[in-house]
Structures are given as C-alpha cells and as structure tokens.
Amino acid sequence: MNRPASTTSSPAAPDTLRSDARTIGLIGLAHGSSHFFHLLLPPLFPWLIKDFGYSYAELSVLVSLFFVVSGTGQALAGFAVDRFGARPILFSALGSFVVAGLIASTAQGYAMLLAAAFFAGLGNAPFHPVDFTILNKRVSQQRIGHAFSVHGLSGNIGWALAPVFMAGITSATGSWRTACFCGALWAAVVLAIMVLNRDALDDRAQTAGAPAARPGSHAAAVPREHPMAFMKLPSVWLCFSFFFWSTCALSAIQSFASPAMQAMYGLPLSVTALIVTGYMLCGAAGMLVGGFLVGRVQRLEKVISICMMGSGILLFIVGTGWLPGMAAVAVASIAGLGTGLAGPSRDMLIKRAAPPGATGRVYGTVYSGLDLGFCLAAPVFGWMLDHQMHNSVFYGSAIALVLSVVSAVIVGDGVSKKSRAALAAG
C-alpha cells in the first residue's frame, strides 16, 4: 500500500531519524578509521628508531609523504565524487588502508615504510569530499549540525585511539609488525561493515527527509558553470588557509609533543604519550558541544576565533616550561577542547561559503589544506626536535592557531556580507 510522501507527518519522523542516525554512524566509523591511519606509523617511531636507526627528521618524511599523496588526491577526489558518486570511492579508500597496514607489517626497510605511507595517504585522500557529500545529501537539514559534530568527533576518537592501539599492541606483543597487521585487520572489518550497509551511503538516492526537487528547478535556479569556477572564490582559499595553519599546530601535537615534553619536563614516554590521546579526547568532547552551537550562532567565525585563541594560549604556556610536569600534560590535553569546539562551526562555515553543485570539489580543495599543513609542518617540527628546540614545538603550534583565526574571521565576514546582500535583494 502506497502512502503519500510527507515531511511533516509524525509516522515519517522516526523513519527519518533512524535513517539519519544510521548514515551519520557509518560515516563517523569510516572517518574515525581514516584518522586512525594518519597515525599508523608515528606512534611507532621510537621502535622504528631502535630497529632501523632512523632519525626523527628521516621518519618525518613518512608523515610528509602521507599528506603529499593525501592532499593531492583529496583535491582530485572532490571532482571524482561529484562525477561518479561518493560510495564506490569510499570502498576503494578503505581497501587502500588494508594494503597500507599489510605492507607496514612486512616492512624490511625505509622503502617499504614509504610504500605503506603512500597507500595510507592514498586511502585517506577521498574521505572529506566523500563524507561531506554523503552527509549533505542524505541527512535531514535539522540534523546536519549534529552530523558535522559526530563527524569531527569520530575523527578525534580515531586520532586518540591510534597511539593507544599501536603502542599498546606493540608493547604487549613486543612487535610493531603485529600492531600494523592489526591495523590492516581493523580496516578490513570497517570495509565489510560499509559494504553490508551500502544502501545508507548511496548519495545518488533521494532520502526520506529531503524535499523532492521539481523537474528542471535546479537547472533553472543554478546556471551551469565551469567545473573550476569555484576556485575563483576568495572564501575557498581562505578556508584552505585556515585548514593549513590549524593543521600545522595539530601536526606538532600528534607527532612531536610527546618526545618534546619528555625532554622538557623529564616525564617518562609512557606518560607523555597520553598527550595525544588527551588532546584528541578533549577535542572530541568539544566537537560534541560544538554541534549544538552551530544551530544557535549566526557569526560562526566568532566561535572559531575564541576557541582557537584559547587553545593557542594554553599551548604557549606549556611551551614556557613553567608548569609542573603532570600539569603540563593536563593543560596540553585541555587545549584540544578549544579546537574541538571550533570544528562543527568550521565545517558549517565552509558549507555556507560553497556554491551550489560543487560540494565535493570545495570540500576536497579546502581540506587539502589540512594535508599540506601536515606535510610541511612535520619536517619542520622534526628538525626542531633533532636540534633540541623542544619549546619551539609548542610555541610554533600556538602561533599557527593564531594565524588560523585570522583566516576564519575573514571568511566569516565575507559570508556575512553575502547573506546581508541576499536579504536586501530579496
């Protein structure tokens, strides 16, 4: 029996909620897995140095390669998502993670570690255009802010779990190769879950919560433009700049804060390794709260500015060396709260700045700034550690966060002016 479609009737609401929750949960799992593979190798650096005798500067090249491949691929993946759909590209990305983990688990030298970093970066490349395309097309508008919140939260959880997972298995088994194999196994399980639930990831299908478009209405409302036209928009490149600077700060925390704090405060590596986990868990908590702020704040750049500046100040204080050891670990972890709070507002700001019909391309281009930040920051901060410039790891991350605030303010002003102009014209 066919029922008339309705977006307001109460029977439809539970179905829409279940559909939204299922899609959000699946994308969150996939996104968390992609962030996990950012840290497939960095938590193992102390063991790789012991086994192979590499320096931090040499190992930072693995991080740079990962993000060179990811950043280049991410910008291109946005076009592929708009052309072919997000779901098949998501499956391929997870398969690439499986390959990366297997190569790392059998690595006999630098070349194989580079190959593992390459395939991990290749797998990471499509995730942001894939994720945001699926979320924007399948999740009801009233829950999109929460979808962005869960998306960011899951990424932070992936970052938080990776050091514990990789270092924990290595310590328990005495083999970092076993940890890499378990990482490959995790990616295979996630891929299987995505394939089994592929109907909830179909970005080409009309969802129950989305209003049906009238035939020809989209074509009439949005004039056909060149696929590269969005690159002329200043807001796109300012968002790119925001991601670049904020990620430079994140790179310092993820890969180098633990050994830097060990040298500065004399704490054991087992304690300072908790900085990454604490920073990411605080960031995840911030993401959860930030999802509620998105729907209640008009000037999103103000939320971003206050939160990022607060995090920058805390990291600067840690860099001074004034704090007691465990207090420094706590303060560095709490700094993640501010970056987490800013996350959903950041993603919504990009959504508002993106022109219609270019979602994948815009998110792919903007988020490639994240990869470029990781790529360029890793060798810089690795060089600082090799030259005993431990304080500079925290000072540099604080300065990068301040520079990201400048970009967010400029983008927010532009979006606000465009909104006022649209209201005036209407």
Protein backbone atom coordinates (compact mmCIF):
# COMPACT_ATOMS: atom_id res chain seq x y z
CA MET A 1 0.00 0.00 0.00
CA ASN A 2 1.44 3.34 -1.07
CA ARG A 3 1.35 6.24 1.37
CA PRO A 4 1.60 9.87 0.36
CA ALA A 5 5.02 11.33 1.00
CA SER A 6 5.17 13.88 3.78
CA THR A 7 7.99 15.56 5.65
CA THR A 8 5.76 16.73 8.47
CA SER A 9 3.68 13.69 9.42
CA SER A 10 4.64 12.02 12.67
CA PRO A 11 4.95 8.46 11.24
CA ALA A 12 7.72 9.67 8.93
CA ALA A 13 9.77 11.25 11.70
CA PRO A 14 11.04 8.02 13.33
CA ASP A 15 12.00 6.61 9.91
CA THR A 16 13.90 9.78 9.08
CA LEU A 17 15.63 9.75 12.47
CA ARG A 18 16.70 6.13 12.04
CA SER A 19 17.93 6.79 8.53
CA ASP A 20 19.87 9.88 9.60
CA ALA A 21 21.38 8.11 12.62
CA ARG A 22 22.44 5.13 10.51
CA THR A 23 24.15 7.28 7.88
CA ILE A 24 25.80 9.51 10.48
CA GLY A 25 27.04 6.47 12.41
CA LEU A 26 28.51 4.79 9.33
CA ILE A 27 30.26 7.94 8.15
CA GLY A 28 31.55 8.50 11.67
CA LEU A 29 33.03 5.00 11.74
CA ALA A 30 34.67 5.48 8.34
CA HIS A 31 36.01 8.92 9.23
CA GLY A 32 37.40 7.69 12.54
CA SER A 33 39.20 4.93 10.66
CA SER A 34 40.76 7.43 8.25
CA HIS A 35 42.11 9.46 11.17
CA PHE A 36 43.37 6.26 12.78
CA PHE A 37 45.51 5.67 9.70
CA HIS A 38 47.01 9.16 9.98
CA LEU A 39 48.81 7.67 12.98
CA LEU A 40 49.55 4.20 11.72
CA LEU A 41 53.31 4.88 11.82
CA PRO A 42 54.06 7.94 14.07
CA PRO A 43 53.32 6.15 17.38
CA LEU A 44 55.85 3.51 16.31
CA PHE A 45 58.70 5.99 15.73
CA PRO A 46 60.60 5.05 18.95
CA TRP A 47 60.55 1.37 17.93
CA LEU A 48 61.46 2.14 14.32
CA ILE A 49 64.41 4.23 15.53
CA LYS A 50 65.52 1.32 17.72
CA ASP A 51 65.21 -1.29 14.95
CA PHE A 52 66.42 0.72 11.95
CA GLY A 53 68.42 3.61 13.45
CA TYR A 54 66.48 6.38 11.67
CA SER A 55 66.35 9.99 12.94
CA TYR A 56 63.15 11.92 13.64
CA ALA A 57 63.83 14.03 10.55
CA GLU A 58 64.03 10.89 8.39
CA LEU A 59 60.86 9.43 9.88
CA SER A 60 59.02 12.74 9.45
CA VAL A 61 59.39 12.19 5.69
CA LEU A 62 56.92 9.30 6.08
CA VAL A 63 54.40 11.76 7.53
CA SER A 64 55.10 14.24 4.73
CA LEU A 65 54.68 11.60 2.03
CA PHE A 66 51.38 10.50 3.54
CA PHE A 67 50.00 14.03 3.36
CA VAL A 68 51.50 14.90 -0.04
CA VAL A 69 49.64 11.92 -1.50
CA SER A 70 46.53 12.63 0.56
CA GLY A 71 46.46 16.35 -0.23
CA THR A 72 46.97 15.90 -3.97
CA GLY A 73 44.48 13.08 -4.08
CA GLN A 74 41.93 14.93 -1.95
CA ALA A 75 41.69 17.87 -4.32
CA LEU A 76 41.24 15.46 -7.25
CA ALA A 77 38.87 13.19 -5.32
CA GLY A 78 36.38 16.04 -4.97
CA PHE A 79 35.89 16.06 -8.74
CA ALA A 80 35.59 12.25 -8.83
CA VAL A 81 32.95 12.31 -6.09
CA ASP A 82 30.88 14.92 -7.95
CA ARG A 83 31.20 12.87 -11.14
CA PHE A 84 30.88 9.22 -10.01
CA GLY A 85 29.35 9.39 -6.53
CA ALA A 86 30.89 9.01 -3.10
CA ARG A 87 30.13 5.40 -2.17
CA PRO A 88 32.45 3.44 -4.53
CA ILE A 89 35.30 5.82 -3.76
CA LEU A 90 34.77 5.23 -0.02
CA PHE A 91 35.10 1.46 -0.53
CA SER A 92 38.33 1.90 -2.51
CA ALA A 93 39.79 4.16 0.17
CA LEU A 94 39.23 1.60 2.92
CA GLY A 95 40.78 -1.09 0.73
CA SER A 96 43.89 1.07 0.37
CA PHE A 97 44.17 1.21 4.18
CA VAL A 98 44.20 -2.59 4.28
CA VAL A 99 47.09 -2.63 1.80
CA ALA A 100 49.00 0.01 3.81
CA GLY A 101 48.74 -1.97 7.04
CA LEU A 102 49.89 -5.20 5.38
CA ILE A 103 52.90 -3.50 3.75
CA ALA A 104 53.90 -1.87 7.04
CA SER A 105 53.64 -5.18 8.89
CA THR A 106 56.17 -6.77 6.50
CA ALA A 107 58.49 -3.75 6.05
CA GLN A 108 62.19 -4.57 5.99
CA GLY A 109 63.48 -1.07 5.44
CA TYR A 110 62.81 2.53 4.54
CA ALA A 111 61.43 1.83 1.05
CA MET A 112 58.62 -0.38 2.36
CA LEU A 113 57.77 2.12 5.07
CA LEU A 114 57.49 4.76 2.34
CA ALA A 115 55.20 2.42 0.39
CA ALA A 116 53.00 1.94 3.46
CA ALA A 117 52.80 5.72 3.94
CA PHE A 118 51.91 6.11 0.24
CA PHE A 119 48.97 3.69 0.34
CA ALA A 120 47.75 5.08 3.65
CA GLY A 121 47.79 8.58 2.14
CA LEU A 122 46.02 7.30 -0.98
CA GLY A 123 43.29 5.83 1.20
CA ASN A 124 42.95 8.99 3.23
CA ALA A 125 42.64 11.28 0.21
CA PRO A 126 38.91 10.96 -0.62
CA PHE A 127 37.45 10.97 2.88
CA HIS A 128 36.40 14.58 3.37
CA PRO A 129 34.74 15.07 -0.03
CA VAL A 130 33.15 11.61 0.34
CA ASP A 131 31.95 12.15 3.91
CA PHE A 132 30.53 15.63 3.47
CA THR A 133 28.88 14.78 0.17
CA ILE A 134 27.05 11.83 1.75
CA LEU A 135 26.12 13.76 4.89
CA ASN A 136 24.87 16.82 2.99
CA LYS A 137 22.77 14.70 0.63
CA ARG A 138 21.40 12.04 2.98
CA VAL A 139 20.98 13.72 6.39
CA SER A 140 17.94 15.89 7.15
CA GLN A 141 18.66 19.59 7.44
CA GLN A 142 17.62 19.78 11.10
CA ARG A 143 20.31 17.25 12.00
CA ILE A 144 23.15 18.40 9.73
CA GLY A 145 24.85 20.33 12.55
CA HIS A 146 24.86 17.22 14.71
CA ALA A 147 26.14 15.21 11.73
CA PHE A 148 29.10 17.57 11.41
CA SER A 149 29.66 17.27 15.16
CA VAL A 150 29.72 13.46 15.09
CA HIS A 151 31.94 13.55 12.01
CA GLY A 152 34.53 15.69 13.74
CA LEU A 153 34.18 13.80 17.00
CA SER A 154 34.80 10.46 15.29
CA GLY A 155 37.96 11.83 13.69
CA ASN A 156 39.30 12.88 17.08
CA ILE A 157 38.43 9.49 18.53
CA GLY A 158 40.37 7.84 15.69
CA TRP A 159 43.36 10.03 16.47
CA ALA A 160 43.01 9.30 20.20
CA LEU A 161 42.77 5.52 19.75
CA ALA A 162 45.63 5.12 17.28
CA PRO A 163 48.53 5.78 19.71
CA VAL A 164 46.96 3.54 22.36
CA PHE A 165 46.18 0.81 19.81
CA MET A 166 49.53 0.84 18.01
CA ALA A 167 51.80 1.40 21.01
CA GLY A 168 49.69 -0.86 23.23
CA ILE A 169 49.80 -3.85 20.88
CA THR A 170 53.50 -3.26 20.24
CA SER A 171 54.24 -3.20 23.97
CA ALA A 172 52.07 -6.24 24.67
CA THR A 173 53.43 -8.41 21.86
CA GLY A 174 56.92 -6.96 21.52
CA SER A 175 56.32 -6.49 17.80
CA TRP A 176 55.33 -3.33 15.96
CA ARG A 177 54.66 -5.54 12.93
CA THR A 178 51.81 -7.20 14.79
CA ALA A 179 50.33 -3.78 15.53
CA CYS A 180 50.42 -2.86 11.83
CA PHE A 181 48.77 -6.15 10.88
CA CYS A 182 46.01 -5.50 13.41
CA GLY A 183 45.55 -2.06 11.85
CA ALA A 184 45.03 -3.72 8.45
CA LEU A 185 42.54 -6.12 10.01
CA TRP A 186 40.60 -3.20 11.51
CA ALA A 187 40.33 -1.51 8.10
CA ALA A 188 39.06 -4.77 6.56
CA VAL A 189 36.33 -5.06 9.20
CA VAL A 190 35.22 -1.46 8.62
CA LEU A 191 35.14 -2.05 4.85
CA ALA A 192 32.91 -5.09 5.37
CA ILE A 193 30.52 -3.05 7.53
CA MET A 194 30.30 -0.33 4.86
CA VAL A 195 29.56 -2.84 2.09
CA LEU A 196 26.84 -4.54 4.15
CA ASN A 197 25.20 -1.14 4.82
CA ARG A 198 25.82 0.35 1.38
CA ASP A 199 22.19 1.45 0.92
CA ALA A 200 22.62 4.02 3.73
CA LEU A 201 25.64 5.51 1.90
CA ASP A 202 24.06 5.99 -1.53
CA ASP A 203 24.47 9.71 -2.22
CA ARG A 204 22.68 9.35 -5.57
CA ALA A 205 19.38 8.30 -3.96
CA GLN A 206 16.59 10.58 -2.67
CA THR A 207 16.20 10.27 1.13
CA ALA A 208 13.00 10.38 3.15
CA GLY A 209 13.95 13.58 4.93
CA ALA A 210 14.95 15.55 1.87
CA PRO A 211 12.42 17.52 -0.14
CA ALA A 212 11.98 16.35 -3.69
CA ALA A 213 13.10 18.84 -6.31
CA ARG A 214 10.76 19.85 -9.09
CA PRO A 215 11.89 18.75 -12.56
CA GLY A 216 14.11 21.39 -14.06
CA SER A 217 14.08 23.56 -10.94
CA HIS A 218 17.74 23.01 -10.12
CA ALA A 219 18.86 23.75 -13.63
CA ALA A 220 16.79 26.91 -13.66
CA ALA A 221 17.98 28.08 -10.27
CA VAL A 222 21.69 27.35 -10.73
CA PRO A 223 23.30 28.41 -14.01
CA ARG A 224 25.79 25.94 -15.45
CA GLU A 225 29.35 26.98 -14.64
CA HIS A 226 32.79 25.71 -15.49
CA PRO A 227 33.80 22.92 -13.04
CA MET A 228 36.76 25.05 -11.89
CA ALA A 229 34.73 28.24 -11.37
CA PHE A 230 34.62 27.74 -7.60
CA MET A 231 38.39 28.25 -7.45
CA LYS A 232 37.90 31.96 -8.17
CA LEU A 233 36.10 32.42 -4.85
CA PRO A 234 38.31 34.05 -2.15
CA SER A 235 36.34 32.22 0.56
CA VAL A 236 37.56 28.86 -0.76
CA TRP A 237 41.22 29.83 -0.44
CA LEU A 238 40.74 31.48 2.93
CA CYS A 239 39.15 28.26 4.19
CA PHE A 240 42.13 26.44 2.70
CA SER A 241 44.44 28.78 4.63
CA PHE A 242 42.51 28.14 7.85
CA PHE A 243 42.99 24.39 7.49
CA PHE A 244 46.66 24.80 6.64
CA TRP A 245 47.56 26.77 9.78
CA SER A 246 45.34 24.84 12.19
CA THR A 247 46.80 21.58 10.90
CA CYS A 248 50.38 22.78 11.34
CA ALA A 249 49.53 23.09 15.03
CA LEU A 250 47.90 19.66 15.10
CA SER A 251 50.93 18.07 13.43
CA ALA A 252 53.16 19.35 16.22
CA ILE A 253 50.90 17.84 18.88
CA GLN A 254 50.32 14.49 17.19
CA SER A 255 53.84 13.55 16.18
CA PHE A 256 56.23 15.56 18.33
CA ALA A 257 54.60 16.87 21.53
CA SER A 258 55.27 13.63 23.44
CA PRO A 259 59.07 13.47 22.95
CA ALA A 260 59.31 17.27 23.32
CA MET A 261 57.53 17.19 26.67
CA GLN A 262 59.62 14.22 27.77
CA ALA A 263 62.76 16.29 27.23
CA MET A 264 61.32 19.48 28.77
CA TYR A 265 59.66 18.05 31.85
CA GLY A 266 61.57 14.81 32.46
CA LEU A 267 58.47 12.63 32.32
CA PRO A 268 58.59 9.03 31.03
CA LEU A 269 57.49 8.41 27.46
CA SER A 270 54.63 6.24 28.69
CA VAL A 271 53.15 9.35 30.38
CA THR A 272 53.85 11.94 27.69
CA ALA A 273 52.31 9.62 25.07
CA LEU A 274 49.00 10.36 26.77
CA ILE A 275 49.14 13.95 25.47
CA VAL A 276 47.87 12.93 22.03
CA THR A 277 45.10 10.79 23.48
CA GLY A 278 44.10 13.51 25.97
CA TYR A 279 44.20 16.25 23.34
CA MET A 280 42.02 14.24 20.98
CA LEU A 281 39.53 13.13 23.64
CA CYS A 282 39.12 16.73 24.81
CA GLY A 283 38.72 17.68 21.16
CA ALA A 284 36.03 15.01 20.77
CA ALA A 285 34.15 16.42 23.77
CA GLY A 286 34.44 19.87 22.23
CA MET A 287 33.07 18.57 18.93
CA LEU A 288 30.03 17.17 20.71
CA VAL A 289 29.22 20.51 22.33
CA GLY A 290 30.14 22.41 19.17
CA GLY A 291 27.41 20.61 17.23
CA PHE A 292 24.80 22.36 19.38
CA LEU A 293 26.47 25.76 18.92
CA VAL A 294 26.25 25.55 15.12
CA GLY A 295 22.47 25.93 15.08
CA ARG A 296 22.43 28.73 17.66
CA VAL A 297 25.19 31.07 16.48
CA GLN A 298 25.00 33.19 13.34
CA ARG A 299 28.57 34.54 13.31
CA LEU A 300 30.44 31.23 13.35
CA GLU A 301 33.83 32.90 12.98
CA LYS A 302 33.45 34.33 16.50
CA VAL A 303 33.09 30.83 17.96
CA ILE A 304 36.11 29.67 15.98
CA SER A 305 38.24 32.66 16.99
CA ILE A 306 37.56 32.45 20.73
CA CYS A 307 38.12 28.70 20.87
CA MET A 308 41.29 28.61 18.77
CA MET A 309 42.83 31.57 20.58
CA GLY A 310 42.18 29.86 23.91
CA SER A 311 43.91 26.71 22.70
CA GLY A 312 46.87 28.72 21.41
CA ILE A 313 47.34 30.43 24.78
CA LEU A 314 47.34 27.09 26.62
CA LEU A 315 49.93 25.58 24.28
CA PHE A 316 52.11 28.67 24.63
CA ILE A 317 52.02 28.29 28.43
CA VAL A 318 53.08 24.65 28.12
CA GLY A 319 56.00 25.75 25.95
CA THR A 320 57.33 28.10 28.62
CA GLY A 321 58.18 25.18 30.89
CA TRP A 322 56.69 26.97 33.91
CA LEU A 323 54.20 24.23 34.80
CA PRO A 324 54.77 21.10 36.87
CA GLY A 325 55.14 18.01 34.69
CA MET A 326 51.72 16.42 35.07
CA ALA A 327 50.03 19.84 34.98
CA ALA A 328 51.68 20.45 31.62
CA VAL A 329 50.25 17.17 30.30
CA ALA A 330 46.78 18.20 31.53
CA VAL A 331 46.97 21.73 30.08
CA ALA A 332 48.20 20.46 26.69
CA SER A 333 45.32 17.98 26.65
CA ILE A 334 42.74 20.64 27.56
CA ALA A 335 43.94 22.74 24.62
CA GLY A 336 42.20 20.16 22.42
CA LEU A 337 38.85 21.27 23.82
CA GLY A 338 39.03 24.62 22.03
CA THR A 339 39.93 23.14 18.65
CA GLY A 340 37.10 20.63 19.08
CA LEU A 341 34.52 23.31 19.88
CA ALA A 342 35.52 25.16 16.73
CA GLY A 343 35.23 22.07 14.47
CA PRO A 344 31.49 21.94 13.61
CA SER A 345 31.38 25.74 13.17
CA ARG A 346 34.33 25.45 10.79
CA ASP A 347 32.59 22.80 8.66
CA MET A 348 29.34 24.78 8.57
CA LEU A 349 31.25 27.91 7.57
CA ILE A 350 32.67 26.00 4.58
CA LYS A 351 29.17 24.74 3.68
CA ARG A 352 27.87 28.34 3.65
CA ALA A 353 30.80 29.51 1.55
CA ALA A 354 30.45 26.71 -1.06
CA PRO A 355 28.47 27.43 -4.26
CA PRO A 356 25.62 25.02 -5.20
CA GLY A 357 26.62 21.85 -7.03
CA ALA A 358 30.28 22.00 -6.03
CA THR A 359 30.18 20.35 -2.60
CA GLY A 360 32.72 17.62 -3.32
CA ARG A 361 35.11 19.92 -5.15
CA VAL A 362 35.03 22.62 -2.47
CA TYR A 363 35.50 20.22 0.44
CA GLY A 364 38.23 18.38 -1.47
CA THR A 365 40.12 21.61 -2.20
CA VAL A 366 39.65 23.15 1.23
CA TYR A 367 40.56 20.01 3.14
CA SER A 368 43.70 19.56 1.05
CA GLY A 369 44.97 22.48 3.15
CA LEU A 370 44.88 20.03 6.05
CA ASP A 371 47.16 17.64 4.17
CA LEU A 372 49.53 20.42 3.12
CA GLY A 373 49.79 21.57 6.73
CA PHE A 374 50.74 18.09 7.91
CA CYS A 375 53.15 17.67 5.00
CA LEU A 376 55.12 20.88 5.57
CA ALA A 377 54.92 21.02 9.36
CA ALA A 378 56.24 17.51 10.01
CA PRO A 379 59.81 18.06 8.75
CA VAL A 380 59.97 21.49 10.41
CA PHE A 381 58.98 20.21 13.85
CA GLY A 382 61.07 17.04 13.36
CA TRP A 383 64.10 19.26 12.65
CA MET A 384 63.35 21.24 15.84
CA LEU A 385 63.42 18.05 17.91
CA ASP A 386 66.66 16.86 16.35
CA HIS A 387 68.19 20.25 17.29
CA GLN A 388 66.87 20.17 20.86
CA MET A 389 64.39 23.04 20.25
CA HIS A 390 61.73 21.38 22.37
CA ASN A 391 59.92 24.55 23.48
CA SER A 392 59.50 25.63 19.86
CA VAL A 393 57.18 22.69 19.21
CA PHE A 394 54.58 24.30 21.49
CA TYR A 395 55.37 27.91 20.56
CA GLY A 396 55.07 27.07 16.87
CA SER A 397 51.73 25.32 17.30
CA ALA A 398 50.36 28.29 19.28
CA ILE A 399 51.41 30.76 16.57
CA ALA A 400 49.84 28.57 13.87
CA LEU A 401 46.50 28.55 15.72
CA VAL A 402 46.52 32.35 15.89
CA LEU A 403 47.13 32.56 12.14
CA SER A 404 44.21 30.18 11.52
CA VAL A 405 41.94 32.56 13.44
CA VAL A 406 42.77 35.38 11.01
CA SER A 407 41.60 33.26 8.07
CA ALA A 408 38.37 32.26 9.83
CA VAL A 409 37.50 35.88 10.63
CA ILE A 410 38.00 36.98 7.02
CA VAL A 411 35.88 34.10 5.66
CA GLY A 412 33.14 34.78 8.22
CA ASP A 413 32.98 38.46 7.30
CA GLY A 414 32.64 37.56 3.62
CA VAL A 415 29.85 35.04 4.23
CA SER A 416 28.03 37.51 6.48
CA LYS A 417 28.20 40.26 3.85
CA LYS A 418 26.90 37.87 1.19
CA SER A 419 23.97 36.88 3.43
CA ARG A 420 23.06 40.51 4.10
CA ALA A 421 23.23 41.29 0.39
CA ALA A 422 20.94 38.34 -0.40
CA LEU A 423 18.41 39.50 2.20
CA ALA A 424 18.49 43.03 0.84
CA ALA A 425 17.96 41.80 -2.71
CA GLY A 426 15.06 39.61 -1.57
